[in-house]
């Protein structure tokens, strides 16, 4: 191989390396790796923050929260466009434990709307199955479609209405969140 040809191959290799897309970075929260960037219904979202749900020193799940643009308040989160929350389970839970907590969050943070939301909330509760340590529950607001529930990537159902998506997000980000430090963490604090 001539020196000129070897140099040309080196330049081509370098240009390919420079132009190749960088892999998604990952942040670690309490031993769970969360991608810095993701996609929700064709929209790019970025990791806004994360938190750890614990009950009496028992670690239950790590929740990551992705939004189209960085947010630092509940109002901004509700207006942020597409979003997703991922619950990375650190222990197994029966469906009732998950859904009872969500029902409680709706009652505490969306009490005045509960009449309009309850039938959809009851349907939403059917999306949950028994989860084990390592399972991932994804809740995503897809504008134009609704709130999509996935467990380990398998779609379990969709609930229509921005009002429902907002009430669901308030379980973690409302005035009476499931845990104050989760709210702070999800909002980037």
C-alpha atoms as a PDB file:
ATOM      1  CA  UNK A   1       0.000   0.000   0.000  1.00  0.00           C
ATOM      2  CA  UNK A   2       1.336   3.374  -0.912  1.00  0.00           C
ATOM      3  CA  UNK A   3       1.851   6.064   1.658  1.00  0.00           C
ATOM      4  CA  UNK A   4      -0.725   8.298  -0.067  1.00  0.00           C
ATOM      5  CA  UNK A   5      -3.346   5.532  -0.063  1.00  0.00           C
ATOM      6  CA  UNK A   6      -2.669   4.712   3.618  1.00  0.00           C
ATOM      7  CA  UNK A   7      -3.013   8.405   4.498  1.00  0.00           C
ATOM      8  CA  UNK A   8      -6.291   8.628   2.539  1.00  0.00           C
ATOM      9  CA  UNK A   9      -7.679   5.581   4.387  1.00  0.00           C
ATOM     10  CA  UNK A  10      -6.667   7.134   7.687  1.00  0.00           C
ATOM     11  CA  UNK A  11      -8.489  10.376   6.804  1.00  0.00           C
ATOM     12  CA  UNK A  12     -11.626   8.471   5.759  1.00  0.00           C
ATOM     13  CA  UNK A  13     -11.549   6.455   8.991  1.00  0.00           C
ATOM     14  CA  UNK A  14     -11.148   9.575  11.086  1.00  0.00           C
ATOM     15  CA  UNK A  15     -13.980  11.377   9.296  1.00  0.00           C
ATOM     16  CA  UNK A  16     -16.296   8.401   9.846  1.00  0.00           C
ATOM     17  CA  UNK A  17     -15.408   8.280  13.526  1.00  0.00           C
ATOM     18  CA  UNK A  18     -16.064  11.988  13.937  1.00  0.00           C
ATOM     19  CA  UNK A  19     -19.388  11.917  12.056  1.00  0.00           C
ATOM     20  CA  UNK A  20     -20.754   8.792  13.756  1.00  0.00           C
ATOM     21  CA  UNK A  21     -23.557   9.589  16.177  1.00  0.00           C
ATOM     22  CA  UNK A  22     -22.525   9.513  19.784  1.00  0.00           C
ATOM     23  CA  UNK A  23     -24.179   6.776  21.826  1.00  0.00           C
ATOM     24  CA  UNK A  24     -26.784   7.889  24.345  1.00  0.00           C
ATOM     25  CA  UNK A  25     -25.103   8.707  27.604  1.00  0.00           C
ATOM     26  CA  UNK A  26     -26.481   7.257  30.785  1.00  0.00           C
ATOM     27  CA  UNK A  27     -26.800   8.642  34.267  1.00  0.00           C
ATOM     28  CA  UNK A  28     -26.786   6.369  37.282  1.00  0.00           C
ATOM     29  CA  UNK A  29     -29.304   6.852  40.073  1.00  0.00           C
ATOM     30  CA  UNK A  30     -29.166   4.491  43.064  1.00  0.00           C
ATOM     31  CA  UNK A  31     -27.574   1.788  40.924  1.00  0.00           C
ATOM     32  CA  UNK A  32     -30.014   2.161  38.003  1.00  0.00           C
ATOM     33  CA  UNK A  33     -28.710   3.386  34.661  1.00  0.00           C
ATOM     34  CA  UNK A  34     -31.004   5.971  33.008  1.00  0.00           C
ATOM     35  CA  UNK A  35     -30.425   7.146  29.437  1.00  0.00           C
ATOM     36  CA  UNK A  36     -29.818  10.872  29.054  1.00  0.00           C
ATOM     37  CA  UNK A  37     -32.003  10.959  25.924  1.00  0.00           C
ATOM     38  CA  UNK A  38     -35.012   9.005  24.727  1.00  0.00           C
ATOM     39  CA  UNK A  39     -37.913   9.167  22.301  1.00  0.00           C
ATOM     40  CA  UNK A  40     -41.632   9.474  23.006  1.00  0.00           C
ATOM     41  CA  UNK A  41     -43.873   9.104  19.946  1.00  0.00           C
ATOM     42  CA  UNK A  42     -41.198  10.508  17.639  1.00  0.00           C
ATOM     43  CA  UNK A  43     -40.292  13.397  19.942  1.00  0.00           C
ATOM     44  CA  UNK A  44     -36.861  13.699  21.498  1.00  0.00           C
ATOM     45  CA  UNK A  45     -36.962  13.893  25.284  1.00  0.00           C
ATOM     46  CA  UNK A  46     -34.135  14.370  27.764  1.00  0.00           C
ATOM     47  CA  UNK A  47     -33.656  13.142  31.285  1.00  0.00           C
ATOM     48  CA  UNK A  48     -34.943  15.924  33.497  1.00  0.00           C
ATOM     49  CA  UNK A  49     -34.308  14.203  36.821  1.00  0.00           C
ATOM     50  CA  UNK A  50     -34.817  11.113  38.939  1.00  0.00           C
ATOM     51  CA  UNK A  51     -35.731  10.011  42.424  1.00  0.00           C
ATOM     52  CA  UNK A  52     -35.847   7.029  44.730  1.00  0.00           C
ATOM     53  CA  UNK A  53     -39.115   5.782  46.229  1.00  0.00           C
ATOM     54  CA  UNK A  54     -38.569   4.199  49.596  1.00  0.00           C
ATOM     55  CA  UNK A  55     -40.866   3.144  52.396  1.00  0.00           C
ATOM     56  CA  UNK A  56     -39.427   2.701  55.885  1.00  0.00           C
ATOM     57  CA  UNK A  57     -35.888   2.347  54.494  1.00  0.00           C
ATOM     58  CA  UNK A  58     -37.031  -0.223  51.917  1.00  0.00           C
ATOM     59  CA  UNK A  59     -36.052   0.848  48.406  1.00  0.00           C
ATOM     60  CA  UNK A  60     -39.059   0.326  46.119  1.00  0.00           C
ATOM     61  CA  UNK A  61     -38.179   1.912  42.753  1.00  0.00           C
ATOM     62  CA  UNK A  62     -36.073   4.496  40.979  1.00  0.00           C
ATOM     63  CA  UNK A  63     -38.129   6.841  38.814  1.00  0.00           C
ATOM     64  CA  UNK A  64     -36.619   8.704  35.874  1.00  0.00           C
ATOM     65  CA  UNK A  65     -38.461  11.598  34.225  1.00  0.00           C
ATOM     66  CA  UNK A  66     -37.859  12.718  30.624  1.00  0.00           C
ATOM     67  CA  UNK A  67     -39.270  15.884  29.044  1.00  0.00           C
ATOM     68  CA  UNK A  68     -38.952  17.716  25.713  1.00  0.00           C
ATOM     69  CA  UNK A  69     -37.290  20.644  27.480  1.00  0.00           C
ATOM     70  CA  UNK A  70     -35.764  20.990  30.931  1.00  0.00           C
ATOM     71  CA  UNK A  71     -38.298  21.913  33.613  1.00  0.00           C
ATOM     72  CA  UNK A  72     -37.934  22.917  37.240  1.00  0.00           C
ATOM     73  CA  UNK A  73     -41.560  23.346  38.366  1.00  0.00           C
ATOM     74  CA  UNK A  74     -44.745  21.322  38.267  1.00  0.00           C
ATOM     75  CA  UNK A  75     -46.431  23.909  36.044  1.00  0.00           C
ATOM     76  CA  UNK A  76     -43.558  23.734  33.554  1.00  0.00           C
ATOM     77  CA  UNK A  77     -43.646  19.914  33.632  1.00  0.00           C
ATOM     78  CA  UNK A  78     -47.372  19.875  32.865  1.00  0.00           C
ATOM     79  CA  UNK A  79     -46.788  22.218  29.903  1.00  0.00           C
ATOM     80  CA  UNK A  80     -43.632  20.511  28.618  1.00  0.00           C
ATOM     81  CA  UNK A  81     -45.192  18.454  25.808  1.00  0.00           C
ATOM     82  CA  UNK A  82     -44.358  14.756  25.513  1.00  0.00           C
ATOM     83  CA  UNK A  83     -42.905  13.151  28.641  1.00  0.00           C
ATOM     84  CA  UNK A  84     -42.205   9.765  30.102  1.00  0.00           C
ATOM     85  CA  UNK A  85     -41.583   8.378  33.542  1.00  0.00           C
ATOM     86  CA  UNK A  86     -39.841   5.042  34.052  1.00  0.00           C
ATOM     87  CA  UNK A  87     -40.175   3.136  37.302  1.00  0.00           C
ATOM     88  CA  UNK A  88     -37.253   0.731  37.683  1.00  0.00           C
ATOM     89  CA  UNK A  89     -38.397  -1.747  40.299  1.00  0.00           C
ATOM     90  CA  UNK A  90     -35.951  -2.500  43.103  1.00  0.00           C
ATOM     91  CA  UNK A  91     -38.328  -5.071  44.631  1.00  0.00           C
ATOM     92  CA  UNK A  92     -41.375  -7.053  43.569  1.00  0.00           C
ATOM     93  CA  UNK A  93     -44.862  -5.620  44.057  1.00  0.00           C
ATOM     94  CA  UNK A  94     -48.400  -6.856  43.606  1.00  0.00           C
ATOM     95  CA  UNK A  95     -50.581  -4.745  41.269  1.00  0.00           C
ATOM     96  CA  UNK A  96     -52.726  -3.509  44.168  1.00  0.00           C
ATOM     97  CA  UNK A  97     -49.705  -1.929  45.896  1.00  0.00           C
ATOM     98  CA  UNK A  98     -48.961   0.084  42.752  1.00  0.00           C
ATOM     99  CA  UNK A  99     -52.532   1.047  41.958  1.00  0.00           C
ATOM    100  CA  UNK A 100     -53.453   1.905  45.556  1.00  0.00           C
ATOM    101  CA  UNK A 101     -50.551   4.363  45.624  1.00  0.00           C
ATOM    102  CA  UNK A 102     -51.644   5.926  42.350  1.00  0.00           C
ATOM    103  CA  UNK A 103     -55.274   6.168  43.525  1.00  0.00           C
ATOM    104  CA  UNK A 104     -54.062   7.876  46.702  1.00  0.00           C
ATOM    105  CA  UNK A 105     -51.969  10.316  44.650  1.00  0.00           C
ATOM    106  CA  UNK A 106     -54.966  11.182  42.460  1.00  0.00           C
ATOM    107  CA  UNK A 107     -57.123  11.741  45.555  1.00  0.00           C
ATOM    108  CA  UNK A 108     -54.529  13.995  47.196  1.00  0.00           C
ATOM    109  CA  UNK A 109     -53.506  16.032  44.161  1.00  0.00           C
ATOM    110  CA  UNK A 110     -56.538  16.042  41.846  1.00  0.00           C
ATOM    111  CA  UNK A 111     -59.455  15.764  44.281  1.00  0.00           C
ATOM    112  CA  UNK A 112     -61.629  18.319  42.468  1.00  0.00           C
ATOM    113  CA  UNK A 113     -61.248  16.420  39.151  1.00  0.00           C
ATOM    114  CA  UNK A 114     -61.586  12.873  40.524  1.00  0.00           C
ATOM    115  CA  UNK A 115     -65.199  12.546  39.353  1.00  0.00           C
ATOM    116  CA  UNK A 116     -64.180  13.101  35.724  1.00  0.00           C
ATOM    117  CA  UNK A 117     -61.071  10.935  36.084  1.00  0.00           C
ATOM    118  CA  UNK A 118     -62.195   7.921  38.128  1.00  0.00           C
ATOM    119  CA  UNK A 119     -63.554   5.753  35.281  1.00  0.00           C
ATOM    120  CA  UNK A 120     -60.327   6.231  33.315  1.00  0.00           C
ATOM    121  CA  UNK A 121     -58.276   5.663  36.473  1.00  0.00           C
ATOM    122  CA  UNK A 122     -60.118   2.369  37.040  1.00  0.00           C
ATOM    123  CA  UNK A 123     -59.230   1.310  33.475  1.00  0.00           C
ATOM    124  CA  UNK A 124     -55.636   2.468  33.988  1.00  0.00           C
ATOM    125  CA  UNK A 125     -55.345   0.233  37.068  1.00  0.00           C
ATOM    126  CA  UNK A 126     -56.005  -2.828  34.883  1.00  0.00           C
ATOM    127  CA  UNK A 127     -52.746  -2.134  33.014  1.00  0.00           C
ATOM    128  CA  UNK A 128     -50.673  -3.294  35.968  1.00  0.00           C
ATOM    129  CA  UNK A 129     -49.414  -6.789  36.656  1.00  0.00           C
ATOM    130  CA  UNK A 130     -47.271  -8.244  39.395  1.00  0.00           C
ATOM    131  CA  UNK A 131     -43.758  -6.864  38.948  1.00  0.00           C
ATOM    132  CA  UNK A 132     -40.435  -8.270  40.062  1.00  0.00           C
ATOM    133  CA  UNK A 133     -37.114  -6.701  40.932  1.00  0.00           C
ATOM    134  CA  UNK A 134     -35.566  -5.421  37.691  1.00  0.00           C
ATOM    135  CA  UNK A 135     -38.867  -4.849  35.871  1.00  0.00           C
ATOM    136  CA  UNK A 136     -39.511  -1.462  34.264  1.00  0.00           C
ATOM    137  CA  UNK A 137     -42.888   0.295  34.150  1.00  0.00           C
ATOM    138  CA  UNK A 138     -43.011   3.101  31.598  1.00  0.00           C
ATOM    139  CA  UNK A 139     -45.714   5.764  31.682  1.00  0.00           C
ATOM    140  CA  UNK A 140     -45.616   8.143  28.718  1.00  0.00           C
ATOM    141  CA  UNK A 141     -47.745  11.111  27.666  1.00  0.00           C
ATOM    142  CA  UNK A 142     -47.948  10.963  23.877  1.00  0.00           C
ATOM    143  CA  UNK A 143     -49.769  14.107  22.679  1.00  0.00           C
ATOM    144  CA  UNK A 144     -52.589  13.155  20.327  1.00  0.00           C
ATOM    145  CA  UNK A 145     -52.713   9.584  21.646  1.00  0.00           C
ATOM    146  CA  UNK A 146     -52.832   9.591  25.447  1.00  0.00           C
ATOM    147  CA  UNK A 147     -51.005   8.126  28.414  1.00  0.00           C
ATOM    148  CA  UNK A 148     -49.408   4.855  27.362  1.00  0.00           C
ATOM    149  CA  UNK A 149     -48.461   2.199  29.922  1.00  0.00           C
ATOM    150  CA  UNK A 150     -45.740  -0.328  29.165  1.00  0.00           C
ATOM    151  CA  UNK A 151     -44.307  -3.047  31.391  1.00  0.00           C
ATOM    152  CA  UNK A 152     -40.897  -4.289  30.277  1.00  0.00           C
ATOM    153  CA  UNK A 153     -41.573  -2.750  26.855  1.00  0.00           C
ATOM    154  CA  UNK A 154     -44.924  -4.500  26.299  1.00  0.00           C
ATOM    155  CA  UNK A 155     -47.775  -2.039  25.805  1.00  0.00           C
ATOM    156  CA  UNK A 156     -50.563  -2.593  28.334  1.00  0.00           C
ATOM    157  CA  UNK A 157     -52.965   0.167  27.297  1.00  0.00           C
ATOM    158  CA  UNK A 158     -53.617   3.838  26.618  1.00  0.00           C
ATOM    159  CA  UNK A 159     -55.748   6.331  28.533  1.00  0.00           C
ATOM    160  CA  UNK A 160     -56.992   9.373  26.635  1.00  0.00           C
ATOM    161  CA  UNK A 161     -56.982  12.938  27.887  1.00  0.00           C
ATOM    162  CA  UNK A 162     -54.401  15.507  28.878  1.00  0.00           C
ATOM    163  CA  UNK A 163     -56.317  15.957  32.152  1.00  0.00           C
ATOM    164  CA  UNK A 164     -55.571  12.321  33.013  1.00  0.00           C
ATOM    165  CA  UNK A 165     -51.880  12.671  32.100  1.00  0.00           C
ATOM    166  CA  UNK A 166     -51.617  15.795  34.256  1.00  0.00           C
ATOM    167  CA  UNK A 167     -53.295  14.103  37.223  1.00  0.00           C
ATOM    168  CA  UNK A 168     -50.987  11.094  36.867  1.00  0.00           C
ATOM    169  CA  UNK A 169     -47.885  13.281  36.801  1.00  0.00           C
ATOM    170  CA  UNK A 170     -49.124  15.112  39.903  1.00  0.00           C
ATOM    171  CA  UNK A 171     -48.885  11.820  41.839  1.00  0.00           C
ATOM    172  CA  UNK A 172     -45.123  12.568  41.903  1.00  0.00           C
ATOM    173  CA  UNK A 173     -45.054  16.314  41.174  1.00  0.00           C
ATOM    174  CA  UNK A 174     -48.235  17.669  42.777  1.00  0.00           C
ATOM    175  CA  UNK A 175     -48.691  19.709  45.933  1.00  0.00           C
ATOM    176  CA  UNK A 176     -48.827  16.499  48.009  1.00  0.00           C
ATOM    177  CA  UNK A 177     -46.431  14.170  46.139  1.00  0.00           C
ATOM    178  CA  UNK A 178     -45.819  10.538  46.991  1.00  0.00           C
ATOM    179  CA  UNK A 179     -42.461  11.671  48.409  1.00  0.00           C
ATOM    180  CA  UNK A 180     -41.016  15.216  48.555  1.00  0.00           C
ATOM    181  CA  UNK A 181     -37.497  14.242  47.525  1.00  0.00           C
ATOM    182  CA  UNK A 182     -38.840  12.372  44.475  1.00  0.00           C
ATOM    183  CA  UNK A 183     -40.557  15.574  43.335  1.00  0.00           C
ATOM    184  CA  UNK A 184     -37.357  17.538  43.836  1.00  0.00           C
ATOM    185  CA  UNK A 185     -35.283  14.916  42.026  1.00  0.00           C
ATOM    186  CA  UNK A 186     -37.650  14.636  39.057  1.00  0.00           C
ATOM    187  CA  UNK A 187     -37.608  18.420  38.712  1.00  0.00           C
ATOM    188  CA  UNK A 188     -33.827  18.372  38.492  1.00  0.00           C
ATOM    189  CA  UNK A 189     -33.191  19.442  42.090  1.00  0.00           C
END
